[in-house]
Amino acid sequence: MSYPRSPRHAGTTGQHRVLPGDARPPHRHQPRKPLPEPPGGLAVAVVVVACCLLFVELVELAILFVAASRGEAGGAFGAGGFDPNGVALTGLFLVAAYLVVCSWLQAGRKFAEAANPAATFAHGAVWTWLGWWVPVVFLWFPHDVVRDLRNAVVPDGDRRAHLGWWWVLWLLAGVRIYTPASGDVQVITRSVAAIALVFAFVQWVRIVREITRAQEKLSGLG
């Protein structure tokens, strides 16, 4: 006794016959959302403001050396007098650096989250701004923010800059804040801070360039 073949199978050939009711629309890939533009302009501003901050620190140190050689307690800059320990000029550049760097880091994180959804960040986005001055956590949160941004876009083999050294040197440069008003200790402390700032600046520029090149490569511009 023979049984009718199932209409869904083509006998012993193993071929599958698709009936009209089984037809499914072909799978369509969703178009990838375009990446935000890499913050290249902000990266340039970050380097420029870092150059200005370093320049001001070296000028103040030079004025301090001249004042110390003349045996002056403070130092003079022109007729009005200028205290190398004054925070007005340096503070102005520090505020500018803070605003520019945090804006760059924020834009960089936005780009990284779009380019690499699997990227992880140790701290919330708000700490991009708060981590630099909140007591205690300012000792390591900014390092973590920069580290996570670089890890999100820069491949392991392309990470040449020493992130740890940059941060240690930057913290060392901060001892200038606790420099006494006068005396030999002031000259020594400010000199050490300036040297640390120079080397921190070199590493910082390398870090910014690494991240910027990686962003441009991911966006198809590099």
Protein backbone atom coordinates (compact mmCIF):
# COMPACT_ATOMS: atom_id res chain seq x y z
CA MET A 1 0.00 0.00 0.00
CA SER A 2 1.49 3.33 -1.00
CA TYR A 3 1.11 6.51 0.96
CA PRO A 4 0.96 9.93 -0.66
CA ARG A 5 4.11 11.94 -0.36
CA SER A 6 4.06 14.98 1.82
CA PRO A 7 3.78 18.11 -0.32
CA ARG A 8 6.52 19.68 1.80
CA HIS A 9 9.22 17.17 0.77
CA ALA A 10 10.49 16.24 -2.67
CA GLY A 11 10.73 12.47 -2.15
CA THR A 12 14.09 11.03 -1.36
CA THR A 13 16.05 13.84 -3.00
CA GLY A 14 16.26 15.67 0.31
CA GLN A 15 15.17 18.90 -1.35
CA HIS A 16 12.87 21.20 0.57
CA ARG A 17 9.95 22.62 -1.38
CA VAL A 18 8.85 26.03 -0.22
CA LEU A 19 5.13 26.52 -0.49
CA PRO A 20 3.59 29.94 -1.00
CA GLY A 21 2.44 29.99 2.59
CA ASP A 22 5.96 29.34 3.81
CA ALA A 23 7.51 32.23 1.96
CA ARG A 24 9.31 34.68 4.28
CA PRO A 25 10.68 38.06 3.37
CA PRO A 26 14.44 38.09 2.96
CA HIS A 27 16.40 39.25 5.97
CA ARG A 28 17.31 42.87 5.66
CA HIS A 29 20.25 44.35 7.47
CA GLN A 30 19.44 47.53 9.28
CA PRO A 31 21.58 50.40 8.01
CA ARG A 32 24.28 51.31 10.51
CA LYS A 33 23.69 54.57 12.27
CA PRO A 34 26.29 57.09 11.12
CA LEU A 35 28.98 57.86 13.66
CA PRO A 36 29.21 61.34 15.14
CA GLU A 37 31.99 63.48 13.80
CA PRO A 38 35.30 62.95 15.62
CA PRO A 39 36.12 65.94 17.84
CA GLY A 40 39.27 66.80 15.92
CA GLY A 41 38.88 70.53 16.46
CA LEU A 42 38.59 70.08 20.21
CA ALA A 43 41.68 67.84 20.15
CA VAL A 44 43.67 70.69 18.59
CA ALA A 45 42.32 73.07 21.23
CA VAL A 46 43.36 70.63 23.96
CA VAL A 47 46.95 70.65 22.71
CA VAL A 48 46.98 74.44 22.31
CA VAL A 49 45.69 75.14 25.81
CA ALA A 50 48.21 72.63 27.22
CA CYS A 51 51.00 74.50 25.41
CA CYS A 52 49.79 77.78 26.90
CA LEU A 53 49.63 76.33 30.39
CA LEU A 54 53.17 74.95 30.09
CA PHE A 55 54.45 78.25 28.70
CA VAL A 56 52.98 80.24 31.58
CA GLU A 57 54.47 77.85 34.13
CA LEU A 58 57.94 78.11 32.57
CA VAL A 59 57.72 81.92 32.40
CA GLU A 60 56.73 82.10 36.05
CA LEU A 61 59.63 79.81 36.95
CA ALA A 62 62.06 82.02 35.01
CA ILE A 63 60.76 85.10 36.84
CA LEU A 64 61.18 83.27 40.13
CA PHE A 65 64.81 82.45 39.30
CA VAL A 66 65.53 86.08 38.48
CA ALA A 67 63.87 87.25 41.68
CA ALA A 68 65.81 84.68 43.73
CA SER A 69 69.13 85.72 42.18
CA ARG A 70 68.42 89.33 43.16
CA GLY A 71 67.47 88.34 46.67
CA GLU A 72 63.91 89.60 46.27
CA ALA A 73 61.14 88.06 48.33
CA GLY A 74 58.58 87.97 45.61
CA GLY A 75 59.60 89.05 42.16
CA ALA A 76 58.70 91.83 39.82
CA PHE A 77 57.23 91.87 36.41
CA GLY A 78 57.24 95.34 34.97
CA ALA A 79 56.33 98.36 37.07
CA GLY A 80 53.24 96.90 38.60
CA GLY A 81 54.98 93.97 40.30
CA PHE A 82 54.16 90.34 39.69
CA ASP A 83 54.20 87.56 42.22
CA PRO A 84 55.27 84.27 40.58
CA ASN A 85 53.20 82.47 43.16
CA GLY A 86 50.07 84.34 42.16
CA VAL A 87 47.37 82.09 40.82
CA ALA A 88 45.56 84.61 38.65
CA LEU A 89 47.28 83.94 35.34
CA THR A 90 47.92 80.24 35.87
CA GLY A 91 44.44 79.80 37.29
CA LEU A 92 42.96 81.38 34.17
CA PHE A 93 44.70 78.86 31.93
CA LEU A 94 43.79 76.00 34.27
CA VAL A 95 40.11 76.90 33.97
CA ALA A 96 40.43 77.14 30.18
CA ALA A 97 42.22 73.79 30.09
CA TYR A 98 39.56 72.22 32.28
CA LEU A 99 36.70 73.38 30.05
CA VAL A 100 38.41 72.40 26.79
CA VAL A 101 39.70 69.02 27.99
CA CYS A 102 36.39 67.98 29.53
CA SER A 103 34.51 69.03 26.40
CA TRP A 104 36.89 66.92 24.32
CA LEU A 105 36.56 63.94 26.64
CA GLN A 106 32.78 64.21 26.61
CA ALA A 107 32.64 64.35 22.80
CA GLY A 108 35.18 61.52 22.62
CA ARG A 109 33.06 59.32 24.88
CA LYS A 110 29.98 59.99 22.77
CA PHE A 111 31.92 58.94 19.68
CA ALA A 112 33.37 55.85 21.40
CA GLU A 113 29.94 54.66 22.58
CA ALA A 114 28.65 54.88 19.00
CA ALA A 115 31.72 53.32 17.38
CA ASN A 116 32.22 50.59 19.96
CA PRO A 117 28.98 49.70 21.81
CA ALA A 118 30.83 46.98 23.73
CA ALA A 119 33.20 49.50 25.31
CA THR A 120 33.07 49.81 29.08
CA PHE A 121 33.58 52.89 31.22
CA ALA A 122 34.42 52.65 34.90
CA HIS A 123 32.56 55.84 35.80
CA GLY A 124 29.44 57.63 34.61
CA ALA A 125 29.63 60.41 32.06
CA VAL A 126 29.16 63.09 34.72
CA TRP A 127 32.57 62.20 36.19
CA THR A 128 34.17 63.48 33.01
CA TRP A 129 33.55 66.90 34.55
CA LEU A 130 33.41 66.22 38.27
CA GLY A 131 36.35 63.83 38.58
CA TRP A 132 38.99 66.57 38.27
CA TRP A 133 38.08 68.50 41.41
CA VAL A 134 35.93 66.36 43.73
CA PRO A 135 38.06 65.70 46.84
CA VAL A 136 39.93 62.39 47.05
CA VAL A 137 38.59 60.92 43.79
CA PHE A 138 40.43 63.58 41.77
CA LEU A 139 43.56 61.51 42.46
CA TRP A 140 42.52 58.75 40.04
CA PHE A 141 39.15 59.41 38.37
CA PRO A 142 40.54 61.59 35.54
CA HIS A 143 43.10 58.89 34.77
CA ASP A 144 40.29 56.33 34.54
CA VAL A 145 38.24 58.58 32.23
CA VAL A 146 41.12 59.03 29.77
CA ARG A 147 42.08 55.34 30.04
CA ASP A 148 38.57 54.11 29.23
CA LEU A 149 38.25 56.49 26.29
CA ARG A 150 41.56 55.34 24.82
CA ASN A 151 40.75 51.67 25.38
CA ALA A 152 37.41 52.11 23.60
CA VAL A 153 38.88 53.38 20.33
CA VAL A 154 42.62 52.64 20.22
CA PRO A 155 43.66 49.01 19.51
CA ASP A 156 46.10 47.44 21.95
CA GLY A 157 48.98 47.48 19.48
CA ASP A 158 48.60 51.20 18.81
CA ARG A 159 48.84 52.36 22.43
CA ARG A 160 52.32 53.84 22.62
CA ALA A 161 51.90 56.67 25.12
CA HIS A 162 52.43 55.92 28.81
CA LEU A 163 49.15 56.79 30.45
CA GLY A 164 50.33 55.94 33.95
CA TRP A 165 53.43 58.09 33.67
CA TRP A 166 51.37 61.00 32.35
CA TRP A 167 49.10 60.92 35.36
CA VAL A 168 51.88 60.48 37.95
CA LEU A 169 53.80 63.40 36.43
CA TRP A 170 50.67 65.56 36.33
CA LEU A 171 50.05 64.91 40.05
CA LEU A 172 53.69 65.68 40.77
CA ALA A 173 53.39 68.98 38.93
CA GLY A 174 50.53 69.85 41.26
CA VAL A 175 52.92 70.29 44.20
CA ARG A 176 53.35 73.89 43.02
CA ILE A 177 50.07 74.66 44.74
CA TYR A 178 51.65 73.91 48.12
CA THR A 179 54.84 75.87 47.45
CA PRO A 180 55.84 78.25 50.28
CA ALA A 181 55.76 81.95 49.51
CA SER A 182 59.52 82.44 49.46
CA GLY A 183 62.87 80.82 50.07
CA ASP A 184 65.00 78.15 48.46
CA VAL A 185 62.32 75.53 48.99
CA GLN A 186 60.07 77.50 46.69
CA VAL A 187 62.64 77.49 43.90
CA ILE A 188 63.31 73.76 44.23
CA THR A 189 59.63 72.81 44.45
CA ARG A 190 58.63 74.94 41.49
CA SER A 191 61.54 73.58 39.46
CA VAL A 192 60.53 69.98 40.13
CA ALA A 193 56.92 70.83 39.27
CA ALA A 194 57.96 72.48 35.99
CA ILE A 195 60.11 69.51 34.96
CA ALA A 196 57.26 67.12 35.77
CA LEU A 197 54.86 69.30 33.79
CA VAL A 198 57.13 69.22 30.73
CA PHE A 199 57.24 65.41 30.66
CA ALA A 200 53.54 65.15 31.46
CA PHE A 201 52.85 67.49 28.54
CA VAL A 202 54.82 65.26 26.15
CA GLN A 203 52.85 62.17 27.17
CA TRP A 204 49.57 64.07 27.08
CA VAL A 205 50.10 65.21 23.50
CA ARG A 206 50.89 61.61 22.49
CA ILE A 207 47.71 60.37 24.18
CA VAL A 208 45.57 62.98 22.45
CA ARG A 209 47.11 62.16 19.07
CA GLU A 210 46.59 58.41 19.54
CA ILE A 211 42.93 58.87 20.39
CA THR A 212 42.37 61.36 17.56
CA ARG A 213 44.00 59.13 14.94
CA ALA A 214 41.94 56.15 16.09
CA GLN A 215 38.72 58.18 15.95
CA GLU A 216 39.48 59.39 12.44
CA LYS A 217 40.29 55.83 11.34
CA LEU A 218 37.02 54.50 12.73
CA SER A 219 35.04 57.23 11.03
CA GLY A 220 36.78 56.60 7.69
CA LEU A 221 38.73 59.85 7.70
CA GLY A 222 42.11 58.37 8.53
